[in-house]
PDB file of N, CA and C in Angstrom:
ATOM      1  N   MET A   1       3.995   0.114 -18.294  1.00  0.00           N
ATOM      2  CA  MET A   1       3.615  -0.052 -16.954  1.00  0.00           C
ATOM      3  C   MET A   1       4.107   1.373 -16.205  1.00  0.00           C
ATOM      4  N   SER A   2       3.185   1.730 -15.249  1.00  0.00           N
ATOM      5  CA  SER A   2       3.594   2.882 -14.525  1.00  0.00           C
ATOM      6  C   SER A   2       3.383   2.645 -13.160  1.00  0.00           C
ATOM      7  N   ARG A   3       4.158   3.234 -12.207  1.00  0.00           N
ATOM      8  CA  ARG A   3       4.214   3.235 -10.928  1.00  0.00           C
ATOM      9  C   ARG A   3       3.932   4.651 -10.272  1.00  0.00           C
ATOM     10  N   THR A   4       3.110   4.604  -9.085  1.00  0.00           N
ATOM     11  CA  THR A   4       2.720   5.715  -8.273  1.00  0.00           C
ATOM     12  C   THR A   4       2.537   5.313  -6.933  1.00  0.00           C
ATOM     13  N   THR A   5       2.487   6.288  -6.083  1.00  0.00           N
ATOM     14  CA  THR A   5       2.321   6.048  -4.672  1.00  0.00           C
ATOM     15  C   THR A   5       0.976   5.685  -4.190  1.00  0.00           C
ATOM     16  N   LEU A   6       0.661   4.999  -3.347  1.00  0.00           N
ATOM     17  CA  LEU A   6      -0.768   4.635  -2.993  1.00  0.00           C
ATOM     18  C   LEU A   6      -1.461   5.867  -2.716  1.00  0.00           C
ATOM     19  N   HIS A   7      -0.885   6.864  -1.992  1.00  0.00           N
ATOM     20  CA  HIS A   7      -1.522   8.250  -1.772  1.00  0.00           C
ATOM     21  C   HIS A   7      -2.078   8.876  -2.926  1.00  0.00           C
ATOM     22  N   GLU A   8      -1.094   9.038  -3.924  1.00  0.00           N
ATOM     23  CA  GLU A   8      -1.375   9.677  -5.379  1.00  0.00           C
ATOM     24  C   GLU A   8      -2.546   8.810  -6.046  1.00  0.00           C
ATOM     25  N   PHE A   9      -2.461   7.475  -5.984  1.00  0.00           N
ATOM     26  CA  PHE A   9      -3.373   6.505  -6.634  1.00  0.00           C
ATOM     27  C   PHE A   9      -4.858   6.888  -6.020  1.00  0.00           C
ATOM     28  N   ALA A  10      -4.946   6.911  -4.662  1.00  0.00           N
ATOM     29  CA  ALA A  10      -6.187   7.032  -4.132  1.00  0.00           C
ATOM     30  C   ALA A  10      -6.700   8.576  -4.318  1.00  0.00           C
ATOM     31  N   ARG A  11      -5.774   9.446  -4.511  1.00  0.00           N
ATOM     32  CA  ARG A  11      -6.259  10.758  -4.858  1.00  0.00           C
ATOM     33  C   ARG A  11      -6.851  10.822  -6.230  1.00  0.00           C
ATOM     34  N   GLN A  12      -6.190  10.081  -7.142  1.00  0.00           N
ATOM     35  CA  GLN A  12      -6.557   9.964  -8.547  1.00  0.00           C
ATOM     36  C   GLN A  12      -7.984   9.546  -8.593  1.00  0.00           C
ATOM     37  N   TYR A  13      -8.196   8.231  -7.938  1.00  0.00           N
ATOM     38  CA  TYR A  13      -9.324   7.586  -8.208  1.00  0.00           C
ATOM     39  C   TYR A  13     -10.428   7.714  -7.246  1.00  0.00           C
ATOM     40  N   GLY A  14     -10.000   8.313  -6.043  1.00  0.00           N
ATOM     41  CA  GLY A  14     -10.971   8.038  -4.862  1.00  0.00           C
ATOM     42  C   GLY A  14     -10.587   6.853  -4.180  1.00  0.00           C
ATOM     43  N   GLN A  15     -10.958   6.971  -2.738  1.00  0.00           N
ATOM     44  CA  GLN A  15     -10.562   5.787  -1.970  1.00  0.00           C
ATOM     45  C   GLN A  15     -11.311   4.566  -2.300  1.00  0.00           C
ATOM     46  N   THR A  16     -12.666   4.748  -2.429  1.00  0.00           N
ATOM     47  CA  THR A  16     -13.666   3.627  -2.715  1.00  0.00           C
ATOM     48  C   THR A  16     -13.144   2.838  -4.046  1.00  0.00           C
ATOM     49  N   LYS A  17     -12.923   3.550  -5.370  1.00  0.00           N
ATOM     50  CA  LYS A  17     -12.707   3.058  -6.555  1.00  0.00           C
ATOM     51  C   LYS A  17     -11.181   2.423  -6.443  1.00  0.00           C
ATOM     52  N   ALA A  18     -10.220   3.142  -5.809  1.00  0.00           N
ATOM     53  CA  ALA A  18      -8.872   2.727  -5.740  1.00  0.00           C
ATOM     54  C   ALA A  18      -8.785   1.388  -5.032  1.00  0.00           C
ATOM     55  N   ALA A  19      -9.548   1.133  -3.812  1.00  0.00           N
ATOM     56  CA  ALA A  19      -9.718  -0.021  -3.149  1.00  0.00           C
ATOM     57  C   ALA A  19     -10.106  -1.173  -4.087  1.00  0.00           C
ATOM     58  N   ALA A  20     -11.211  -0.876  -4.753  1.00  0.00           N
ATOM     59  CA  ALA A  20     -11.833  -2.029  -5.632  1.00  0.00           C
ATOM     60  C   ALA A  20     -10.857  -2.236  -6.755  1.00  0.00           C
ATOM     61  N   LEU A  21     -10.150  -1.351  -7.300  1.00  0.00           N
ATOM     62  CA  LEU A  21      -9.231  -1.669  -8.292  1.00  0.00           C
ATOM     63  C   LEU A  21      -7.999  -2.577  -7.868  1.00  0.00           C
ATOM     64  N   LEU A  22      -7.605  -2.520  -6.480  1.00  0.00           N
ATOM     65  CA  LEU A  22      -6.641  -3.212  -5.836  1.00  0.00           C
ATOM     66  C   LEU A  22      -7.337  -4.651  -5.093  1.00  0.00           C
ATOM     67  N   GLY A  23      -8.570  -4.689  -5.134  1.00  0.00           N
ATOM     68  CA  GLY A  23      -9.021  -5.979  -4.591  1.00  0.00           C
ATOM     69  C   GLY A  23      -9.067  -5.938  -2.982  1.00  0.00           C
ATOM     70  N   MET A  24      -9.305  -4.735  -2.490  1.00  0.00           N
ATOM     71  CA  MET A  24      -9.325  -4.558  -0.888  1.00  0.00           C
ATOM     72  C   MET A  24     -10.409  -3.554  -0.583  1.00  0.00           C
ATOM     73  N   THR A  25     -10.864  -3.434   0.768  1.00  0.00           N
ATOM     74  CA  THR A  25     -11.829  -2.596   1.168  1.00  0.00           C
ATOM     75  C   THR A  25     -11.337  -1.118   1.293  1.00  0.00           C
ATOM     76  N   GLN A  26     -12.266  -0.407   1.300  1.00  0.00           N
ATOM     77  CA  GLN A  26     -11.943   1.143   1.304  1.00  0.00           C
ATOM     78  C   GLN A  26     -11.399   1.473   2.689  1.00  0.00           C
ATOM     79  N   SER A  27     -11.937   0.805   3.661  1.00  0.00           N
ATOM     80  CA  SER A  27     -11.317   0.919   5.170  1.00  0.00           C
ATOM     81  C   SER A  27      -9.852   0.521   5.365  1.00  0.00           C
ATOM     82  N   SER A  28      -9.480  -0.696   4.810  1.00  0.00           N
ATOM     83  CA  SER A  28      -8.112  -1.125   4.881  1.00  0.00           C
ATOM     84  C   SER A  28      -7.307  -0.056   4.069  1.00  0.00           C
ATOM     85  N   LEU A  29      -7.744   0.550   2.812  1.00  0.00           N
ATOM     86  CA  LEU A  29      -6.908   1.518   2.131  1.00  0.00           C
ATOM     87  C   LEU A  29      -6.769   2.635   2.754  1.00  0.00           C
ATOM     88  N   ASN A  30      -7.772   3.006   3.620  1.00  0.00           N
ATOM     89  CA  ASN A  30      -7.713   4.201   4.500  1.00  0.00           C
ATOM     90  C   ASN A  30      -6.898   4.150   5.526  1.00  0.00           C
ATOM     91  N   LYS A  31      -6.916   2.999   6.179  1.00  0.00           N
ATOM     92  CA  LYS A  31      -5.953   3.022   7.403  1.00  0.00           C
ATOM     93  C   LYS A  31      -4.500   2.881   6.819  1.00  0.00           C
ATOM     94  N   ALA A  32      -4.170   2.161   5.685  1.00  0.00           N
ATOM     95  CA  ALA A  32      -2.787   2.268   4.990  1.00  0.00           C
ATOM     96  C   ALA A  32      -2.380   3.596   4.830  1.00  0.00           C
ATOM     97  N   LEU A  33      -3.229   4.433   4.469  1.00  0.00           N
ATOM     98  CA  LEU A  33      -2.838   5.930   4.129  1.00  0.00           C
ATOM     99  C   LEU A  33      -2.702   6.690   5.259  1.00  0.00           C
ATOM    100  N   ARG A  34      -3.621   6.455   6.391  1.00  0.00           N
ATOM    101  CA  ARG A  34      -3.456   7.137   7.593  1.00  0.00           C
ATOM    102  C   ARG A  34      -2.185   6.822   8.402  1.00  0.00           C
ATOM    103  N   VAL A  35      -1.737   5.567   8.532  1.00  0.00           N
ATOM    104  CA  VAL A  35      -0.765   5.355   9.053  1.00  0.00           C
ATOM    105  C   VAL A  35       0.595   5.567   8.455  1.00  0.00           C
ATOM    106  N   GLY A  36       0.506   5.979   7.078  1.00  0.00           N
ATOM    107  CA  GLY A  36       1.844   6.433   6.171  1.00  0.00           C
ATOM    108  C   GLY A  36       2.534   5.122   5.768  1.00  0.00           C
ATOM    109  N   ARG A  37       1.948   4.174   5.323  1.00  0.00           N
ATOM    110  CA  ARG A  37       2.701   2.939   4.821  1.00  0.00           C
ATOM    111  C   ARG A  37       3.272   3.270   3.508  1.00  0.00           C
ATOM    112  N   ASP A  38       4.592   3.021   3.107  1.00  0.00           N
ATOM    113  CA  ASP A  38       5.121   3.105   1.900  1.00  0.00           C
ATOM    114  C   ASP A  38       4.803   2.073   0.781  1.00  0.00           C
ATOM    115  N   ILE A  39       3.839   2.362   0.248  1.00  0.00           N
ATOM    116  CA  ILE A  39       3.107   1.421  -0.731  1.00  0.00           C
ATOM    117  C   ILE A  39       3.073   1.997  -2.001  1.00  0.00           C
ATOM    118  N   TYR A  40       3.344   1.358  -3.066  1.00  0.00           N
ATOM    119  CA  TYR A  40       3.475   1.840  -4.537  1.00  0.00           C
ATOM    120  C   TYR A  40       2.703   0.940  -5.426  1.00  0.00           C
ATOM    121  N   VAL A  41       1.851   1.493  -6.261  1.00  0.00           N
ATOM    122  CA  VAL A  41       0.901   0.990  -6.960  1.00  0.00           C
ATOM    123  C   VAL A  41       1.498   0.854  -8.436  1.00  0.00           C
ATOM    124  N   THR A  42       1.306  -0.233  -9.269  1.00  0.00           N
ATOM    125  CA  THR A  42       1.683  -0.568 -10.606  1.00  0.00           C
ATOM    126  C   THR A  42       0.640  -0.829 -11.458  1.00  0.00           C
ATOM    127  N   LYS A  43       0.517  -0.058 -12.459  1.00  0.00           N
ATOM    128  CA  LYS A  43      -0.561  -0.252 -13.513  1.00  0.00           C
ATOM    129  C   LYS A  43       0.218  -1.079 -14.547  1.00  0.00           C
ATOM    130  N   HIS A  44      -0.490  -2.286 -14.875  1.00  0.00           N
ATOM    131  CA  HIS A  44       0.204  -3.316 -15.738  1.00  0.00           C
ATOM    132  C   HIS A  44      -0.240  -2.960 -17.269  1.00  0.00           C
ATOM    133  N   ILE A  45       0.130  -3.469 -18.171  1.00  0.00           N
ATOM    134  CA  ILE A  45      -0.171  -3.278 -19.672  1.00  0.00           C
ATOM    135  C   ILE A  45      -1.696  -3.806 -20.032  1.00  0.00           C
ATOM    136  N   ASP A  46      -2.002  -4.886 -19.246  1.00  0.00           N
ATOM    137  CA  ASP A  46      -3.306  -5.425 -19.295  1.00  0.00           C
ATOM    138  C   ASP A  46      -4.447  -4.467 -18.627  1.00  0.00           C
ATOM    139  N   GLY A  47      -4.175  -3.444 -18.110  1.00  0.00           N
ATOM    140  CA  GLY A  47      -5.102  -2.653 -17.415  1.00  0.00           C
ATOM    141  C   GLY A  47      -5.264  -2.952 -15.919  1.00  0.00           C
ATOM    142  N   THR A  48      -4.559  -4.008 -15.433  1.00  0.00           N
ATOM    143  CA  THR A  48      -4.619  -4.502 -14.035  1.00  0.00           C
ATOM    144  C   THR A  48      -3.731  -3.601 -12.977  1.00  0.00           C
ATOM    145  N   TYR A  49      -4.000  -3.719 -11.771  1.00  0.00           N
ATOM    146  CA  TYR A  49      -3.188  -2.850 -10.837  1.00  0.00           C
ATOM    147  C   TYR A  49      -2.568  -3.935  -9.788  1.00  0.00           C
ATOM    148  N   SER A  50      -1.444  -3.675  -9.423  1.00  0.00           N
ATOM    149  CA  SER A  50      -0.941  -4.305  -8.188  1.00  0.00           C
ATOM    150  C   SER A  50      -0.123  -3.485  -7.337  1.00  0.00           C
ATOM    151  N   ALA A  51      -0.072  -3.750  -6.136  1.00  0.00           N
ATOM    152  CA  ALA A  51       0.653  -2.984  -5.015  1.00  0.00           C
ATOM    153  C   ALA A  51       1.571  -3.522  -4.402  1.00  0.00           C
ATOM    154  N   GLU A  52       2.708  -2.983  -3.888  1.00  0.00           N
ATOM    155  CA  GLU A  52       3.852  -3.450  -3.064  1.00  0.00           C
ATOM    156  C   GLU A  52       4.315  -2.483  -2.018  1.00  0.00           C
ATOM    157  N   GLU A  53       4.759  -2.998  -0.927  1.00  0.00           N
ATOM    158  CA  GLU A  53       5.028  -2.068   0.100  1.00  0.00           C
ATOM    159  C   GLU A  53       6.620  -2.221   0.369  1.00  0.00           C
ATOM    160  N   ILE A  54       7.291  -1.124   0.468  1.00  0.00           N
ATOM    161  CA  ILE A  54       8.640  -1.067   0.864  1.00  0.00           C
ATOM    162  C   ILE A  54       9.038  -1.010   2.209  1.00  0.00           C
ATOM    163  N   ARG A  55       9.553  -2.015   2.960  1.00  0.00           N
ATOM    164  CA  ARG A  55       9.657  -1.966   4.160  1.00  0.00           C
ATOM    165  C   ARG A  55      11.241  -2.280   4.652  1.00  0.00           C
ATOM    166  N   PRO A  56      11.793  -1.943   5.707  1.00  0.00           N
ATOM    167  CA  PRO A  56      13.169  -2.271   6.023  1.00  0.00           C
ATOM    168  C   PRO A  56      13.001  -3.700   6.555  1.00  0.00           C
ATOM    169  N   PHE A  57      14.252  -4.296   6.304  1.00  0.00           N
ATOM    170  CA  PHE A  57      14.479  -5.706   6.553  1.00  0.00           C
ATOM    171  C   PHE A  57      15.497  -5.876   7.559  1.00  0.00           C
ATOM    172  N   PRO A  58      15.321  -6.558   8.881  1.00  0.00           N
ATOM    173  CA  PRO A  58      14.116  -7.197   9.201  1.00  0.00           C
ATOM    174  C   PRO A  58      12.992  -6.174   9.716  1.00  0.00           C
ATOM    175  N   CYS A  59      11.822  -6.374   9.428  1.00  0.00           N
ATOM    176  CA  CYS A  59      10.910  -5.467   9.687  1.00  0.00           C
ATOM    177  C   CYS A  59      10.291  -5.695  11.171  1.00  0.00           C
ATOM    178  N   GLN A  60      10.618  -6.751  11.876  1.00  0.00           N
ATOM    179  CA  GLN A  60      10.001  -6.625  13.145  1.00  0.00           C
ATOM    180  C   GLN A  60      11.197  -6.267  14.136  1.00  0.00           C
ATOM    181  N   VAL A  61      10.919  -5.380  15.003  1.00  0.00           N
ATOM    182  CA  VAL A  61      11.904  -4.981  16.025  1.00  0.00           C
ATOM    183  C   VAL A  61      11.807  -5.888  17.340  1.00  0.00           C
ATOM    184  N   GLN A  62      13.002  -6.523  17.705  1.00  0.00           N
ATOM    185  CA  GLN A  62      12.899  -7.411  18.951  1.00  0.00           C
ATOM    186  C   GLN A  62      12.972  -6.464  20.042  1.00  0.00           C
ATOM    187  N   SER A  63      12.089  -7.046  21.071  1.00  0.00           N
ATOM    188  CA  SER A  63      11.755  -6.462  22.395  1.00  0.00           C
ATOM    189  C   SER A  63      13.323  -6.614  23.060  1.00  0.00           C
ATOM    190  N   LYS A  64      13.555  -5.915  24.083  1.00  0.00           N
ATOM    191  CA  LYS A  64      14.617  -6.061  24.904  1.00  0.00           C
ATOM    192  C   LYS A  64      14.732  -7.223  25.884  1.00  0.00           C
ATOM    193  N   LYS A  65      13.352  -7.654  26.032  1.00  0.00           N
ATOM    194  CA  LYS A  65      13.400  -8.977  26.964  1.00  0.00           C
ATOM    195  C   LYS A  65      13.687 -10.214  26.107  1.00  0.00           C
ATOM    196  N   SER A  66      13.195 -10.190  24.819  1.00  0.00           N
ATOM    197  CA  SER A  66      13.508 -11.391  24.192  1.00  0.00           C
ATOM    198  C   SER A  66      14.884 -11.276  23.525  1.00  0.00           C
ATOM    199  N   ALA A  67      15.498 -10.373  23.483  1.00  0.00           N
ATOM    200  CA  ALA A  67      16.938 -10.263  22.915  1.00  0.00           C
ATOM    201  C   ALA A  67      17.951 -10.577  24.087  1.00  0.00           C
ATOM    202  N   ALA A  68      17.551 -10.710  25.328  1.00  0.00           N
ATOM    203  CA  ALA A  68      18.390 -11.008  26.415  1.00  0.00           C
ATOM    204  C   ALA A  68      18.531 -12.534  26.590  1.00  0.00           C
TER     205      ALA A  68
END
């Protein structure tokens, strides 16, 4: 298994093919790249790919109104 960033994966395969390998649309992959999401792609032994996002926990910031 090997792991790489989504940015590097898209650069290697091109956005259209990278999106197809991950089972998503090119536009959603483009948006993830554009907003800078911290996503890593893993290539499995059987040749399939999966992706996971690293995010802080908790990921939702409470507004000042709901915290009061």
